[in-house]
Every structure is written in C-alpha cells, then in structure tokens.
Protein backbone atom coordinates (compact mmCIF):
# COMPACT_ATOMS: atom_id res chain seq x y z
CA UNK A 1 0.02 -0.01 0.00
CA UNK A 2 2.96 2.41 0.76
CA UNK A 3 4.49 1.60 -2.50
CA UNK A 4 1.27 2.47 -4.37
CA UNK A 5 0.92 5.61 -2.33
CA UNK A 6 4.59 6.55 -3.10
CA UNK A 7 4.16 5.74 -6.71
CA UNK A 8 0.85 7.96 -6.99
CA UNK A 9 2.66 10.87 -5.25
CA UNK A 10 5.56 10.53 -7.78
CA UNK A 11 3.26 10.56 -10.82
CA UNK A 12 1.26 13.64 -9.39
CA UNK A 13 4.56 15.40 -8.99
CA UNK A 14 5.58 14.88 -12.54
CA UNK A 15 2.17 16.07 -13.61
CA UNK A 16 2.41 19.18 -11.53
CA UNK A 17 5.97 19.75 -12.90
CA UNK A 18 5.47 18.89 -16.58
CA UNK A 19 1.68 19.19 -17.09
CA UNK A 20 0.14 17.64 -20.08
CA UNK A 21 3.63 16.51 -21.43
CA UNK A 22 3.56 13.89 -18.71
CA UNK A 23 0.20 12.55 -19.85
CA UNK A 24 1.35 12.51 -23.39
CA UNK A 25 4.77 10.68 -22.92
CA UNK A 26 3.40 8.37 -20.23
CA UNK A 27 0.63 7.02 -22.49
CA UNK A 28 2.87 7.10 -25.66
CA UNK A 29 5.71 5.03 -24.02
CA UNK A 30 3.39 2.42 -22.63
CA UNK A 31 1.69 1.88 -25.99
CA UNK A 32 5.09 1.79 -27.78
CA UNK A 33 5.92 -1.34 -25.56
CA UNK A 34 7.57 0.36 -22.65
CA UNK A 35 6.22 -0.92 -19.28
CA UNK A 36 5.11 2.62 -18.02
CA UNK A 37 1.95 2.78 -16.00
CA UNK A 38 0.05 4.77 -18.70
CA UNK A 39 -3.37 3.74 -17.39
CA UNK A 40 -2.59 5.04 -13.97
CA UNK A 41 -1.20 8.20 -15.36
CA UNK A 42 -4.46 8.85 -17.29
CA UNK A 43 -6.67 8.16 -14.29
CA UNK A 44 -4.76 10.73 -12.35
CA UNK A 45 -4.91 13.14 -15.26
CA UNK A 46 -8.77 12.63 -15.20
CA UNK A 47 -8.65 13.42 -11.47
CA UNK A 48 -6.62 16.53 -12.16
CA UNK A 49 -9.27 17.59 -14.56
CA UNK A 50 -11.91 17.24 -11.92
CA UNK A 51 -9.92 19.52 -9.52
CA UNK A 52 -9.34 22.12 -12.29
CA UNK A 53 -5.57 21.49 -12.85
CA UNK A 54 -6.34 20.10 -16.39
CA UNK A 55 -9.15 20.46 -18.93
CA UNK A 56 -11.12 17.21 -19.43
CA UNK A 57 -11.36 17.27 -23.22
CA UNK A 58 -7.74 18.28 -23.65
CA UNK A 59 -6.61 15.35 -21.44
CA UNK A 60 -8.72 12.93 -23.64
CA UNK A 61 -7.25 14.42 -26.86
CA UNK A 62 -3.65 14.30 -25.67
CA UNK A 63 -4.03 10.80 -24.33
CA UNK A 64 -5.57 9.50 -27.57
CA UNK A 65 -2.83 11.18 -29.64
CA UNK A 66 -0.14 9.67 -27.38
CA UNK A 67 -1.85 6.20 -27.63
CA UNK A 68 -1.98 6.36 -31.44
CA UNK A 69 1.70 7.54 -31.79
CA UNK A 70 2.88 5.03 -29.28
CA UNK A 71 1.13 2.02 -30.99
CA UNK A 72 2.39 3.02 -34.37
CA UNK A 73 5.95 3.16 -33.01
CA UNK A 74 5.32 -0.33 -31.53
CA UNK A 75 3.81 -1.51 -34.90
CA UNK A 76 6.83 -0.26 -36.75
CA UNK A 77 9.26 -1.98 -34.41
CA UNK A 78 7.20 -5.25 -34.60
CA UNK A 79 6.97 -5.01 -38.38
CA UNK A 80 10.73 -4.48 -39.05
CA UNK A 81 12.42 -6.29 -36.19
CA UNK A 82 9.78 -8.16 -34.19
CA UNK A 83 9.43 -11.60 -35.86
CA UNK A 84 13.12 -12.53 -35.49
CA UNK A 85 13.34 -11.05 -31.96
CA UNK A 86 10.08 -12.53 -30.78
CA UNK A 87 11.08 -15.96 -32.07
CA UNK A 88 14.58 -15.66 -30.45
CA UNK A 89 13.16 -14.58 -27.04
CA UNK A 90 9.93 -16.54 -27.32
CA UNK A 91 11.79 -19.94 -27.31
CA UNK A 92 12.45 -19.34 -23.50
CA UNK A 93 8.62 -19.00 -23.08
CA UNK A 94 7.74 -21.90 -25.33
CA UNK A 95 6.97 -19.86 -28.34
CA UNK A 96 7.78 -22.05 -31.34
CA UNK A 97 7.72 -21.02 -34.96
CA UNK A 98 4.53 -23.07 -35.45
CA UNK A 99 2.86 -21.29 -32.46
CA UNK A 100 3.94 -17.84 -33.96
CA UNK A 101 2.36 -18.95 -37.21
CA UNK A 102 -0.93 -19.61 -35.38
CA UNK A 103 -0.60 -16.14 -33.90
CA UNK A 104 -0.15 -14.68 -37.40
CA UNK A 105 -3.30 -16.48 -38.52
CA UNK A 106 -5.09 -15.23 -35.47
CA UNK A 107 -4.20 -11.60 -36.30
CA UNK A 108 -5.19 -12.08 -39.97
CA UNK A 109 -8.73 -13.17 -38.77
CA UNK A 110 -9.20 -11.23 -35.50
CA UNK A 111 -6.47 -8.62 -35.40
CA UNK A 112 -8.76 -5.66 -35.86
CA UNK A 113 -10.98 -6.69 -32.86
CA UNK A 114 -7.86 -7.39 -30.78
CA UNK A 115 -6.32 -3.99 -31.41
CA UNK A 116 -9.73 -2.30 -30.51
CA UNK A 117 -9.99 -3.92 -27.08
CA UNK A 118 -6.26 -4.48 -26.25
CA UNK A 119 -5.89 -1.17 -24.39
CA UNK A 120 -8.51 -2.35 -21.74
CA UNK A 121 -6.45 -5.59 -21.14
CA UNK A 122 -3.53 -5.76 -18.69
CA UNK A 123 -0.28 -6.54 -20.38
CA UNK A 124 -1.72 -6.84 -23.83
CA UNK A 125 -1.97 -3.03 -24.16
CA UNK A 126 1.97 -2.99 -24.08
CA UNK A 127 2.54 -5.72 -26.46
CA UNK A 128 -0.53 -5.70 -29.03
CA UNK A 129 1.09 -3.26 -31.45
CA UNK A 130 4.34 -5.18 -31.44
CA UNK A 131 2.49 -8.49 -32.07
CA UNK A 132 0.37 -6.91 -34.87
CA UNK A 133 3.54 -5.51 -36.56
CA UNK A 134 5.39 -8.77 -36.17
CA UNK A 135 2.46 -10.67 -37.56
CA UNK A 136 2.38 -8.45 -40.78
CA UNK A 137 -1.17 -7.20 -40.04
CA UNK A 138 -1.98 -4.51 -42.81
CA UNK A 139 -1.06 -1.12 -41.47
CA UNK A 140 -4.15 0.65 -42.78
CA UNK A 141 -6.38 -1.78 -40.94
CA UNK A 142 -4.26 -1.55 -37.83
CA UNK A 143 -4.30 2.20 -38.00
CA UNK A 144 -8.14 2.48 -38.30
CA UNK A 145 -8.83 0.22 -35.23
CA UNK A 146 -5.93 1.71 -33.49
CA UNK A 147 -7.52 5.22 -33.53
CA UNK A 148 -10.89 3.91 -32.60
CA UNK A 149 -9.47 1.95 -29.54
CA UNK A 150 -7.29 4.99 -28.61
CA UNK A 151 -10.32 7.39 -28.51
CA UNK A 152 -12.60 4.83 -26.74
CA UNK A 153 -9.96 3.98 -24.08
CA UNK A 154 -8.95 7.64 -23.52
CA UNK A 155 -12.59 8.71 -22.97
CA UNK A 156 -13.43 5.89 -20.63
CA UNK A 157 -10.28 5.94 -18.44
CA UNK A 158 -10.15 9.81 -18.24
CA UNK A 159 -13.90 9.78 -17.30
CA UNK A 160 -13.30 7.13 -14.58
CA UNK A 161 -10.54 9.39 -13.10
CA UNK A 162 -12.75 12.47 -13.40
CA UNK A 163 -15.66 10.92 -11.69
CA UNK A 164 -14.03 8.64 -9.08
CA UNK A 165 -10.52 10.02 -8.73
CA UNK A 166 -11.26 11.21 -5.09
CA UNK A 167 -10.76 7.42 -4.24
CA UNK A 168 -7.81 7.06 -6.54
CA UNK A 169 -5.97 4.02 -4.92
CA UNK A 170 -9.27 2.00 -4.86
CA UNK A 171 -10.09 3.02 -8.44
CA UNK A 172 -6.74 1.97 -9.69
CA UNK A 173 -7.00 -1.40 -7.90
CA UNK A 174 -10.47 -2.03 -9.52
CA UNK A 175 -9.49 -0.91 -12.84
CA UNK A 176 -6.36 -3.08 -12.68
CA UNK A 177 -8.44 -6.10 -11.58
CA UNK A 178 -10.80 -5.59 -14.50
CA UNK A 179 -7.78 -5.63 -16.87
CA UNK A 180 -6.57 -8.80 -15.26
CA UNK A 181 -10.02 -10.47 -15.57
CA UNK A 182 -10.21 -9.51 -19.16
CA UNK A 183 -6.65 -10.85 -19.81
CA UNK A 184 -7.46 -14.24 -18.21
CA UNK A 185 -10.82 -14.34 -20.18
CA UNK A 186 -8.91 -13.66 -23.38
CA UNK A 187 -6.35 -16.37 -22.69
CA UNK A 188 -9.07 -18.88 -21.82
CA UNK A 189 -10.99 -18.09 -24.97
CA UNK A 190 -7.97 -18.32 -27.17
CA UNK A 191 -7.12 -21.81 -25.70
CA UNK A 192 -10.67 -23.02 -26.18
CA UNK A 193 -10.91 -21.79 -29.80
CA UNK A 194 -7.36 -23.41 -30.49
CA UNK A 195 -8.39 -26.71 -29.03
CA UNK A 196 -11.81 -26.76 -30.93
CA UNK A 197 -10.00 -26.03 -34.28
CA UNK A 198 -7.41 -28.63 -33.67
CA UNK A 199 -10.05 -31.16 -32.80
CA UNK A 200 -11.89 -30.41 -36.07
CA UNK A 201 -8.78 -30.78 -38.06
CA UNK A 202 -7.97 -34.18 -36.60
CA UNK A 203 -11.48 -35.61 -37.38
C-alpha cells in the first residue's frame, strides 16, 4: 500500500511539474511497448481535470494522440524487427515457430478486434502493437482500429478518473483487476478456440 501511495505521489509530482507532457509521454511510451503505468497516469490526469488543474477534453485528446503515436511506433518496431526477436526470445517462453504462425493467422482473422480492445487488457496493451506488426497485419487496418481504440480508451479511463478520482487508490485497484480478468478471459477463450479447431482438423 505504501508503494502504491509513493508511486501515485511521484506521478502527481511529475504532472504538476510537466503538465500535459507527462500525460502524453506516459501514455505514448506504454503503447510503444515500454512498461510505463500509462493507465494510472491517465486516471490521475482525469482526477486533475476534476480538480481544475487540467481540462477534461484536452486530457482525452492528448491521451488519444499519445496512444496512437505510441502504438504506431510499436507496430513499426514489430514490423521491421519483431518476428526474429520474438522467435529468439520466445523460445524461452515456449513460443515455437508453429505457435507464432498460429498467432499470425489469428491476427489475420481477428487482429482488428484485438487492437480495438487490447488497451483495456492488462499486459496486452503494452505488446499488442508489437505483435500486430510482427504478424504483418496490414497497417491501414491496424491504424483504423488503433485510432478507434485509442479514442474509446482515452474517453473511458479519463472519465473514470474524473468521476471517481477522489478514491484514486481504490479506483486503480479495481481498474487493474478488471484488466486482469479480461486478460485471463482472453487467454481462456484463445485456448478453447485453438483446441476446438485442432479437434476439427483431426476428425
């Protein structure tokens, strides 16, 4: 609890010092694949809007812009360098070339929906763009759903901070739990779909 309190104080200090730039770079870096607490930063920015330090609409616009730019950086990295790097590192996490091929096929069929909702899922928000780029998802398709997801996520998370930011530690805990539940659900659903398809092919 003390760690969370100290972390929130540090983020608030950065925001008081750097203003909207702290929001922009925090969100952008997380979406580019750097493990920065972008969601927490945006929740605090929403609370700052409620207290009059920031303008609500401007926070949403800056966060959406940072998210789009960050994801496009992640996509470019994944597109140009990701496949070889992911396969090299992935062998330590049981990611074989065949499993990576399944991931490529998944993004070919469901990449648009994944990019749209990935921002709300813990962990996936950081790596979704990298995986999309590495899987050679068409950039125009990625960009369209990337923008839609960025706007939706920025509006929802900023609004939560604006409305419930007075109980910030509790809010961050529940938003984080929701993201974890969505992550587990996505993994379970993915495993079920994979097993069903494998069973059908073997028949």
